[in-house]
Amino acid sequence: MLGSKEDAEDVTQDVLLKALARLHQFRRESAFGTWLIQIAINEARMRKRKLRHGIMFSLTNGADDDGAYVPKDFADWREIPSEALERSEIRESLAKALTLLEEHYRLAFILRDVNELSITETANILGITRGAVKTRLRRARLMLRDILSPGLQQGGQVGLAFKEVRKPWE
């Protein structure tokens, strides 16, 4: 997945440390090997994301074949204004859409997807069962999809469809 033996070895060490530190989170719903492989895949993906932003150029190989110096173009590390604007628009639209959800759906979504708590932790905080958390989370995601999708389909413009939200379970 990483294309480099050294990166794969680093990820393997990180996976083993992370698995050891979080062994108490292993739920025995699947085989131990499956759980460990999923951690490895997630770690490899995170490493690829980090490597994509940190492309390195050689500073010592500045001469071409005939010995003339050719300056290197370095990546601009500044934020691209259009991407920053798009992220802020999406963030604002999501915040507005969240206010349209009923509180129990909004809380489940924020605890699980924004704060990245586990299903069990979310259930304990809300005082409900794990199944109820999963149901509320699924319904919240579907309602958010219905609220946000019309705006996202209008040529990339993010807008809100302020309408009655269709409840897919009805």
N, C-alpha and C. Protein backbone atom coordinates (compact mmCIF):
# COMPACT_ATOMS: atom_id res chain seq x y z
N MET A 1 0.82 -1.21 0.00
CA MET A 1 0.00 0.00 0.00
C MET A 1 0.86 1.26 0.00
N LEU A 2 2.04 1.22 0.61
CA LEU A 2 2.84 2.42 0.77
C LEU A 2 3.93 2.56 -0.30
N GLY A 3 4.32 1.46 -0.92
CA GLY A 3 5.32 1.52 -1.97
C GLY A 3 6.75 1.62 -1.47
N SER A 4 6.96 1.53 -0.18
CA SER A 4 8.29 1.65 0.39
C SER A 4 8.41 0.70 1.57
N LYS A 5 9.49 -0.08 1.57
CA LYS A 5 9.71 -1.03 2.64
C LYS A 5 9.89 -0.31 3.98
N GLU A 6 10.59 0.81 3.97
CA GLU A 6 10.85 1.55 5.20
C GLU A 6 9.56 2.09 5.79
N ASP A 7 8.70 2.65 4.94
CA ASP A 7 7.42 3.16 5.42
C ASP A 7 6.55 2.03 5.98
N ALA A 8 6.57 0.88 5.29
CA ALA A 8 5.79 -0.27 5.75
C ALA A 8 6.28 -0.75 7.11
N GLU A 9 7.60 -0.74 7.31
CA GLU A 9 8.14 -1.15 8.61
C GLU A 9 7.74 -0.17 9.71
N ASP A 10 7.79 1.13 9.40
CA ASP A 10 7.36 2.13 10.37
C ASP A 10 5.90 1.96 10.74
N VAL A 11 5.07 1.74 9.74
CA VAL A 11 3.64 1.55 9.98
C VAL A 11 3.40 0.29 10.80
N THR A 12 4.14 -0.76 10.52
CA THR A 12 3.99 -2.01 11.27
C THR A 12 4.29 -1.79 12.75
N GLN A 13 5.35 -1.04 13.03
CA GLN A 13 5.66 -0.73 14.43
C GLN A 13 4.55 0.10 15.07
N ASP A 14 4.06 1.10 14.34
CA ASP A 14 2.97 1.92 14.86
C ASP A 14 1.72 1.08 15.13
N VAL A 15 1.43 0.15 14.23
CA VAL A 15 0.25 -0.71 14.37
C VAL A 15 0.36 -1.57 15.62
N LEU A 16 1.52 -2.17 15.82
CA LEU A 16 1.68 -3.03 16.98
C LEU A 16 1.58 -2.25 18.28
N LEU A 17 2.16 -1.04 18.30
CA LEU A 17 2.05 -0.21 19.50
C LEU A 17 0.61 0.22 19.76
N LYS A 18 -0.06 0.62 18.69
CA LYS A 18 -1.45 1.06 18.82
C LYS A 18 -2.35 -0.10 19.26
N ALA A 19 -2.13 -1.28 18.68
CA ALA A 19 -2.94 -2.44 19.05
C ALA A 19 -2.71 -2.82 20.50
N LEU A 20 -1.47 -2.76 20.95
CA LEU A 20 -1.17 -3.09 22.33
C LEU A 20 -1.81 -2.08 23.29
N ALA A 21 -1.74 -0.79 22.91
CA ALA A 21 -2.32 0.24 23.76
C ALA A 21 -3.85 0.16 23.80
N ARG A 22 -4.45 -0.33 22.72
CA ARG A 22 -5.92 -0.36 22.64
C ARG A 22 -6.47 -1.78 22.66
N LEU A 23 -5.74 -2.69 23.23
CA LEU A 23 -6.18 -4.08 23.31
C LEU A 23 -7.51 -4.20 24.04
N HIS A 24 -7.75 -3.32 24.99
CA HIS A 24 -9.01 -3.36 25.74
C HIS A 24 -10.22 -3.00 24.86
N GLN A 25 -9.97 -2.37 23.70
CA GLN A 25 -11.07 -2.01 22.80
C GLN A 25 -11.44 -3.14 21.85
N PHE A 26 -10.65 -4.19 21.83
CA PHE A 26 -10.97 -5.34 20.97
C PHE A 26 -12.24 -6.00 21.48
N ARG A 27 -13.29 -6.05 20.62
CA ARG A 27 -14.62 -6.47 21.06
C ARG A 27 -14.91 -7.94 20.81
N ARG A 28 -14.00 -8.66 20.21
CA ARG A 28 -14.17 -10.08 19.91
C ARG A 28 -15.37 -10.34 19.00
N GLU A 29 -15.76 -9.34 18.23
CA GLU A 29 -16.84 -9.54 17.25
C GLU A 29 -16.27 -10.16 15.98
N SER A 30 -14.97 -10.04 15.80
CA SER A 30 -14.30 -10.65 14.67
C SER A 30 -13.00 -11.27 15.18
N ALA A 31 -12.27 -11.89 14.28
CA ALA A 31 -11.00 -12.51 14.67
C ALA A 31 -9.98 -11.43 15.02
N PHE A 32 -9.06 -11.77 15.88
CA PHE A 32 -8.01 -10.83 16.30
C PHE A 32 -7.20 -10.36 15.08
N GLY A 33 -6.91 -11.28 14.18
CA GLY A 33 -6.15 -10.93 12.98
C GLY A 33 -6.89 -9.92 12.11
N THR A 34 -8.19 -10.05 12.00
CA THR A 34 -8.99 -9.11 11.23
C THR A 34 -8.93 -7.72 11.85
N TRP A 35 -9.02 -7.67 13.15
CA TRP A 35 -8.93 -6.39 13.86
C TRP A 35 -7.57 -5.75 13.65
N LEU A 36 -6.52 -6.55 13.74
CA LEU A 36 -5.16 -6.05 13.56
C LEU A 36 -4.93 -5.57 12.13
N ILE A 37 -5.45 -6.29 11.17
CA ILE A 37 -5.32 -5.89 9.76
C ILE A 37 -6.04 -4.58 9.51
N GLN A 38 -7.21 -4.40 10.10
CA GLN A 38 -7.95 -3.14 9.91
C GLN A 38 -7.17 -1.96 10.48
N ILE A 39 -6.53 -2.16 11.62
CA ILE A 39 -5.69 -1.10 12.18
C ILE A 39 -4.54 -0.81 11.22
N ALA A 40 -3.93 -1.85 10.66
CA ALA A 40 -2.81 -1.67 9.73
C ALA A 40 -3.25 -0.92 8.48
N ILE A 41 -4.41 -1.25 7.95
CA ILE A 41 -4.91 -0.55 6.76
C ILE A 41 -5.15 0.92 7.07
N ASN A 42 -5.77 1.20 8.21
CA ASN A 42 -6.03 2.59 8.58
C ASN A 42 -4.73 3.37 8.78
N GLU A 43 -3.75 2.75 9.43
CA GLU A 43 -2.46 3.42 9.64
C GLU A 43 -1.75 3.68 8.31
N ALA A 44 -1.81 2.72 7.40
CA ALA A 44 -1.18 2.90 6.09
C ALA A 44 -1.85 4.03 5.32
N ARG A 45 -3.17 4.11 5.40
CA ARG A 45 -3.88 5.20 4.72
C ARG A 45 -3.49 6.56 5.31
N MET A 46 -3.38 6.62 6.64
CA MET A 46 -2.99 7.88 7.28
C MET A 46 -1.57 8.26 6.88
N ARG A 47 -0.68 7.28 6.79
CA ARG A 47 0.70 7.56 6.39
C ARG A 47 0.74 8.06 4.95
N LYS A 48 -0.06 7.45 4.06
CA LYS A 48 -0.09 7.91 2.67
C LYS A 48 -0.58 9.35 2.57
N ARG A 49 -1.59 9.70 3.41
CA ARG A 49 -2.09 11.07 3.42
C ARG A 49 -1.00 12.03 3.85
N LYS A 50 -0.24 11.65 4.87
CA LYS A 50 0.83 12.52 5.35
C LYS A 50 1.93 12.65 4.31
N LEU A 51 2.27 11.55 3.64
CA LEU A 51 3.34 11.57 2.65
C LEU A 51 2.95 12.38 1.42
N ARG A 52 1.69 12.40 1.09
CA ARG A 52 1.23 13.13 -0.08
C ARG A 52 1.49 14.63 0.07
N HIS A 53 1.36 15.14 1.31
CA HIS A 53 1.57 16.56 1.55
C HIS A 53 3.04 16.89 1.72
N GLY A 54 3.86 15.91 2.01
CA GLY A 54 5.27 16.17 2.28
C GLY A 54 6.19 15.69 1.20
N ILE A 55 5.89 16.00 -0.06
CA ILE A 55 6.74 15.59 -1.17
C ILE A 55 8.08 16.31 -1.03
N MET A 56 9.16 15.55 -1.10
CA MET A 56 10.48 16.12 -0.89
C MET A 56 11.24 16.17 -2.21
N PHE A 57 12.02 17.21 -2.37
CA PHE A 57 12.86 17.37 -3.54
C PHE A 57 14.32 17.37 -3.10
N SER A 58 15.17 16.85 -3.95
CA SER A 58 16.59 16.83 -3.64
C SER A 58 17.18 18.22 -3.85
N LEU A 59 17.93 18.68 -2.86
CA LEU A 59 18.60 19.98 -2.98
C LEU A 59 20.00 19.84 -3.54
N THR A 60 20.54 18.63 -3.54
CA THR A 60 21.92 18.42 -3.99
C THR A 60 22.02 18.13 -5.47
N ASN A 61 20.99 17.63 -6.09
CA ASN A 61 21.02 17.30 -7.51
C ASN A 61 20.49 18.47 -8.32
N GLY A 62 21.26 19.56 -8.37
CA GLY A 62 20.79 20.75 -9.05
C GLY A 62 21.29 20.89 -10.47
N ALA A 63 22.22 20.06 -10.93
CA ALA A 63 22.77 20.19 -12.27
C ALA A 63 22.15 19.15 -13.19
N ASP A 64 21.90 19.55 -14.45
CA ASP A 64 21.40 18.57 -15.40
C ASP A 64 22.58 17.91 -16.10
N ASP A 65 22.34 17.21 -17.20
CA ASP A 65 23.37 16.40 -17.85
C ASP A 65 24.58 17.21 -18.32
N ASP A 66 24.38 18.43 -18.81
CA ASP A 66 25.53 19.19 -19.32
C ASP A 66 26.17 20.06 -18.24
N GLY A 67 25.75 19.93 -17.01
CA GLY A 67 26.39 20.62 -15.91
C GLY A 67 25.81 21.98 -15.59
N ALA A 68 24.83 22.46 -16.34
CA ALA A 68 24.22 23.76 -16.07
C ALA A 68 23.25 23.64 -14.90
N TYR A 69 23.20 24.68 -14.11
CA TYR A 69 22.31 24.68 -12.95
C TYR A 69 20.88 24.91 -13.38
N VAL A 70 19.97 24.09 -12.86
CA VAL A 70 18.54 24.25 -13.12
C VAL A 70 17.86 24.41 -11.77
N PRO A 71 17.22 25.58 -11.52
CA PRO A 71 16.57 25.77 -10.22
C PRO A 71 15.36 24.86 -10.08
N LYS A 72 15.13 24.43 -8.87
CA LYS A 72 14.00 23.55 -8.57
C LYS A 72 12.78 24.39 -8.19
N ASP A 73 11.62 23.90 -8.58
CA ASP A 73 10.37 24.52 -8.15
C ASP A 73 9.93 23.82 -6.88
N PHE A 74 9.71 24.58 -5.84
CA PHE A 74 9.27 24.02 -4.58
C PHE A 74 7.77 24.21 -4.44
N ALA A 75 7.15 23.26 -3.76
CA ALA A 75 5.70 23.33 -3.55
C ALA A 75 5.37 24.52 -2.67
N ASP A 76 4.31 25.21 -3.02
CA ASP A 76 3.84 26.34 -2.23
C ASP A 76 3.05 25.79 -1.06
N TRP A 77 3.45 26.12 0.15
CA TRP A 77 2.83 25.56 1.34
C TRP A 77 1.67 26.41 1.83
N ARG A 78 1.45 27.53 1.20
CA ARG A 78 0.35 28.38 1.64
C ARG A 78 -0.98 27.75 1.26
N GLU A 79 -1.99 28.11 2.01
CA GLU A 79 -3.32 27.59 1.76
C GLU A 79 -3.89 28.21 0.48
N ILE A 80 -4.56 27.39 -0.31
CA ILE A 80 -5.17 27.87 -1.54
C ILE A 80 -6.49 28.54 -1.17
N PRO A 81 -6.65 29.82 -1.52
CA PRO A 81 -7.85 30.56 -1.08
C PRO A 81 -9.16 29.92 -1.50
N SER A 82 -9.24 29.39 -2.72
CA SER A 82 -10.51 28.80 -3.16
C SER A 82 -10.86 27.55 -2.34
N GLU A 83 -9.84 26.76 -1.99
CA GLU A 83 -10.10 25.58 -1.17
C GLU A 83 -10.50 25.98 0.25
N ALA A 84 -9.87 27.02 0.78
CA ALA A 84 -10.22 27.49 2.12
C ALA A 84 -11.66 28.01 2.14
N LEU A 85 -12.04 28.74 1.09
CA LEU A 85 -13.40 29.25 1.00
C LEU A 85 -14.40 28.10 0.89
N GLU A 86 -14.08 27.12 0.07
CA GLU A 86 -14.97 25.97 -0.09
C GLU A 86 -15.14 25.22 1.24
N ARG A 87 -14.04 25.01 1.96
CA ARG A 87 -14.13 24.33 3.26
C ARG A 87 -14.97 25.12 4.24
N SER A 88 -14.80 26.44 4.26
CA SER A 88 -15.58 27.24 5.20
C SER A 88 -17.07 27.23 4.83
N GLU A 89 -17.38 27.26 3.52
CA GLU A 89 -18.78 27.20 3.09
C GLU A 89 -19.42 25.86 3.48
N ILE A 90 -18.67 24.79 3.29
CA ILE A 90 -19.19 23.47 3.65
C ILE A 90 -19.38 23.38 5.16
N ARG A 91 -18.42 23.92 5.91
CA ARG A 91 -18.53 23.90 7.38
C ARG A 91 -19.76 24.68 7.83
N GLU A 92 -19.99 25.85 7.24
CA GLU A 92 -21.17 26.66 7.60
C GLU A 92 -22.46 25.94 7.23
N SER A 93 -22.49 25.33 6.05
CA SER A 93 -23.70 24.62 5.62
C SER A 93 -23.99 23.44 6.53
N LEU A 94 -22.94 22.72 6.92
CA LEU A 94 -23.14 21.59 7.82
C LEU A 94 -23.64 22.07 9.19
N ALA A 95 -23.09 23.18 9.68
CA ALA A 95 -23.54 23.72 10.97
C ALA A 95 -25.02 24.12 10.90
N LYS A 96 -25.41 24.77 9.79
CA LYS A 96 -26.82 25.15 9.63
C LYS A 96 -27.71 23.92 9.53
N ALA A 97 -27.24 22.91 8.79
CA ALA A 97 -28.03 21.69 8.64
C ALA A 97 -28.18 20.97 9.97
N LEU A 98 -27.14 20.99 10.78
CA LEU A 98 -27.22 20.35 12.09
C LEU A 98 -28.27 21.01 12.98
N THR A 99 -28.44 22.32 12.83
CA THR A 99 -29.45 23.00 13.65
C THR A 99 -30.86 22.58 13.27
N LEU A 100 -31.04 22.06 12.05
CA LEU A 100 -32.36 21.62 11.61
C LEU A 100 -32.74 20.24 12.17
N LEU A 101 -31.76 19.49 12.65
CA LEU A 101 -32.05 18.16 13.19
C LEU A 101 -32.63 18.27 14.60
N GLU A 102 -33.43 17.28 14.94
CA GLU A 102 -33.90 17.21 16.32
C GLU A 102 -32.71 16.95 17.23
N GLU A 103 -32.82 17.40 18.48
CA GLU A 103 -31.67 17.36 19.38
C GLU A 103 -31.09 15.97 19.58
N HIS A 104 -31.93 14.94 19.72
CA HIS A 104 -31.38 13.61 19.98
C HIS A 104 -30.60 13.08 18.78
N TYR A 105 -30.99 13.44 17.55
CA TYR A 105 -30.22 13.05 16.37
C TYR A 105 -28.92 13.86 16.29
N ARG A 106 -29.03 15.15 16.56
CA ARG A 106 -27.87 16.04 16.51
C ARG A 106 -26.80 15.60 17.51
N LEU A 107 -27.23 15.27 18.74
CA LEU A 107 -26.27 14.84 19.76
C LEU A 107 -25.56 13.55 19.36
N ALA A 108 -26.30 12.58 18.85
CA ALA A 108 -25.70 11.32 18.43
C ALA A 108 -24.68 11.57 17.31
N PHE A 109 -25.04 12.41 16.36
CA PHE A 109 -24.14 12.71 15.24
C PHE A 109 -22.88 13.42 15.72
N ILE A 110 -23.03 14.42 16.55
CA ILE A 110 -21.88 15.20 17.02
C ILE A 110 -20.95 14.33 17.87
N LEU A 111 -21.52 13.55 18.79
CA LEU A 111 -20.67 12.71 19.63
C LEU A 111 -19.91 11.66 18.83
N ARG A 112 -20.60 11.05 17.89
CA ARG A 112 -19.98 9.94 17.15
C ARG A 112 -19.11 10.41 15.99
N ASP A 113 -19.64 11.28 15.12
CA ASP A 113 -18.92 11.65 13.90
C ASP A 113 -18.02 12.86 14.06
N VAL A 114 -18.37 13.79 14.92
CA VAL A 114 -17.53 14.98 15.10
C VAL A 114 -16.49 14.73 16.18
N ASN A 115 -16.93 14.25 17.33
CA ASN A 115 -16.00 14.01 18.43
C ASN A 115 -15.35 12.63 18.38
N GLU A 116 -15.77 11.80 17.43
CA GLU A 116 -15.20 10.48 17.17
C GLU A 116 -15.21 9.56 18.39
N LEU A 117 -16.30 9.60 19.16
CA LEU A 117 -16.44 8.68 20.27
C LEU A 117 -16.95 7.34 19.73
N SER A 118 -16.70 6.30 20.47
CA SER A 118 -17.19 4.98 20.06
C SER A 118 -18.70 4.90 20.29
N ILE A 119 -19.29 3.86 19.72
CA ILE A 119 -20.73 3.64 19.90
C ILE A 119 -21.03 3.46 21.39
N THR A 120 -20.20 2.68 22.07
CA THR A 120 -20.42 2.42 23.49
C THR A 120 -20.31 3.70 24.31
N GLU A 121 -19.28 4.51 24.04
CA GLU A 121 -19.12 5.76 24.77
C GLU A 121 -20.30 6.69 24.53
N THR A 122 -20.74 6.76 23.28
CA THR A 122 -21.88 7.60 22.95
C THR A 122 -23.13 7.12 23.67
N ALA A 123 -23.34 5.80 23.69
CA ALA A 123 -24.50 5.24 24.38
C ALA A 123 -24.46 5.56 25.87
N ASN A 124 -23.28 5.45 26.47
CA ASN A 124 -23.15 5.75 27.90
C ASN A 124 -23.43 7.22 28.19
N ILE A 125 -22.95 8.11 27.35
CA ILE A 125 -23.17 9.54 27.56
C ILE A 125 -24.65 9.90 27.42
N LEU A 126 -25.29 9.33 26.39
CA LEU A 126 -26.70 9.64 26.15
C LEU A 126 -27.65 8.82 27.02
N GLY A 127 -27.13 7.78 27.65
CA GLY A 127 -27.98 6.94 28.50
C GLY A 127 -28.95 6.08 27.72
N ILE A 128 -28.54 5.62 26.54
CA ILE A 128 -29.38 4.77 25.70
C ILE A 128 -28.58 3.54 25.30
N THR A 129 -29.23 2.62 24.60
CA THR A 129 -28.55 1.40 24.17
C THR A 129 -27.68 1.67 22.94
N ARG A 130 -26.77 0.74 22.67
CA ARG A 130 -25.91 0.85 21.48
C ARG A 130 -26.75 0.84 20.20
N GLY A 131 -27.77 0.01 20.18
CA GLY A 131 -28.65 -0.06 19.01
C GLY A 131 -29.35 1.26 18.75
N ALA A 132 -29.77 1.92 19.84
CA ALA A 132 -30.44 3.22 19.68
C ALA A 132 -29.47 4.26 19.13
N VAL A 133 -28.21 4.19 19.56
CA VAL A 133 -27.20 5.12 19.03
C VAL A 133 -27.02 4.89 17.53
N LYS A 134 -26.92 3.63 17.13
CA LYS A 134 -26.74 3.31 15.72
C LYS A 134 -27.94 3.79 14.90
N THR A 135 -29.13 3.61 15.43
CA THR A 135 -30.33 4.04 14.73
C THR A 135 -30.38 5.55 14.60
N ARG A 136 -30.12 6.25 15.69
CA ARG A 136 -30.14 7.72 15.64
C ARG A 136 -29.07 8.25 14.71
N LEU A 137 -27.90 7.63 14.73
CA LEU A 137 -26.81 8.07 13.88
C LEU A 137 -27.14 7.87 12.41
N ARG A 138 -27.70 6.73 12.09
CA ARG A 138 -28.09 6.45 10.70
C ARG A 138 -29.15 7.44 10.23
N ARG A 139 -30.15 7.69 11.06
CA ARG A 139 -31.21 8.62 10.69
C ARG A 139 -30.67 10.04 10.56
N ALA A 140 -29.75 10.43 11.45
CA ALA A 140 -29.15 11.77 11.36
C ALA A 140 -28.37 11.92 10.07
N ARG A 141 -27.62 10.91 9.70
CA ARG A 141 -26.84 10.97 8.46
C ARG A 141 -27.75 11.05 7.24
N LEU A 142 -28.83 10.27 7.26
CA LEU A 142 -29.77 10.32 6.13
C LEU A 142 -30.45 11.69 6.03
N MET A 143 -30.84 12.25 7.17
CA MET A 143 -31.47 13.57 7.15
C MET A 143 -30.48 14.63 6.68
N LEU A 144 -29.24 14.56 7.13
CA LEU A 144 -28.23 15.52 6.67
C LEU A 144 -27.99 15.38 5.18
N ARG A 145 -27.97 14.14 4.70
CA ARG A 145 -27.81 13.92 3.26
C ARG A 145 -28.94 14.58 2.49
N ASP A 146 -30.17 14.39 2.98
CA ASP A 146 -31.32 14.98 2.30
C ASP A 146 -31.31 16.50 2.36
N ILE A 147 -30.82 17.06 3.45
CA ILE A 147 -30.77 18.51 3.59
C ILE A 147 -29.68 19.10 2.69
N LEU A 148 -28.52 18.46 2.66
CA LEU A 148 -27.37 19.04 1.97
C LEU A 148 -27.27 18.66 0.50
N SER A 149 -27.81 17.54 0.09
CA SER A 149 -27.60 17.08 -1.28
C SER A 149 -28.15 18.01 -2.37
N PRO A 150 -29.30 18.65 -2.21
CA PRO A 150 -29.74 19.55 -3.29
C PRO A 150 -28.75 20.69 -3.54
N GLY A 151 -28.17 21.23 -2.50
CA GLY A 151 -27.21 22.31 -2.67
C GLY A 151 -25.93 21.84 -3.30
N LEU A 152 -25.50 20.63 -2.98
CA LEU A 152 -24.26 20.11 -3.54
C LEU A 152 -24.41 19.71 -4.99
N GLN A 153 -25.63 19.48 -5.43
CA GLN A 153 -25.86 19.08 -6.82
C GLN A 153 -25.99 20.28 -7.75
N GLN A 154 -26.01 21.48 -7.22
CA GLN A 154 -26.18 22.68 -8.04
C GLN A 154 -24.82 23.23 -8.46
N GLY A 155 -24.10 22.47 -9.28
CA GLY A 155 -22.83 22.95 -9.81
C GLY A 155 -21.78 23.20 -8.74
N GLY A 156 -21.79 22.45 -7.67
CA GLY A 156 -20.79 22.61 -6.64
C GLY A 156 -21.10 23.68 -5.62
N GLN A 157 -22.17 24.44 -5.84
CA GLN A 157 -22.54 25.47 -4.88
C GLN A 157 -23.15 24.81 -3.66
N VAL A 158 -22.66 25.20 -2.50
CA VAL A 158 -23.18 24.63 -1.27
C VAL A 158 -24.30 25.50 -0.78
N GLY A 159 -25.47 24.93 -0.70
CA GLY A 159 -26.62 25.66 -0.19
C GLY A 159 -27.49 24.71 0.59
N LEU A 160 -28.42 25.25 1.29
CA LEU A 160 -29.30 24.39 2.07
C LEU A 160 -30.69 24.37 1.46
N ALA A 161 -31.25 23.21 1.49
CA ALA A 161 -32.63 23.06 1.05
C ALA A 161 -33.47 23.15 2.32
N PHE A 162 -33.99 24.33 2.60
CA PHE A 162 -34.81 24.50 3.79
C PHE A 162 -36.21 24.01 3.51
N LYS A 163 -36.36 22.73 3.68
CA LYS A 163 -37.65 22.09 3.43
C LYS A 163 -37.87 21.05 4.50
N GLU A 164 -39.02 20.50 4.48
CA GLU A 164 -39.30 19.41 5.41
C GLU A 164 -38.41 18.23 5.04
N VAL A 165 -37.71 17.72 6.01
CA VAL A 165 -36.78 16.62 5.76
C VAL A 165 -37.56 15.32 5.67
N ARG A 166 -37.32 14.59 4.60
CA ARG A 166 -37.97 13.30 4.41
C ARG A 166 -37.38 12.32 5.42
N LYS A 167 -38.23 11.63 6.11
CA LYS A 167 -37.77 10.66 7.09
C LYS A 167 -37.79 9.28 6.42
N PRO A 168 -36.61 8.72 6.13
CA PRO A 168 -36.56 7.48 5.33
C PRO A 168 -37.17 6.27 6.05
N TRP A 169 -37.37 6.35 7.33
CA TRP A 169 -37.90 5.20 8.02
C TRP A 169 -39.42 5.22 8.07
N GLU A 170 -40.05 6.26 7.52
CA GLU A 170 -41.51 6.32 7.51
C GLU A 170 -42.05 5.84 6.19
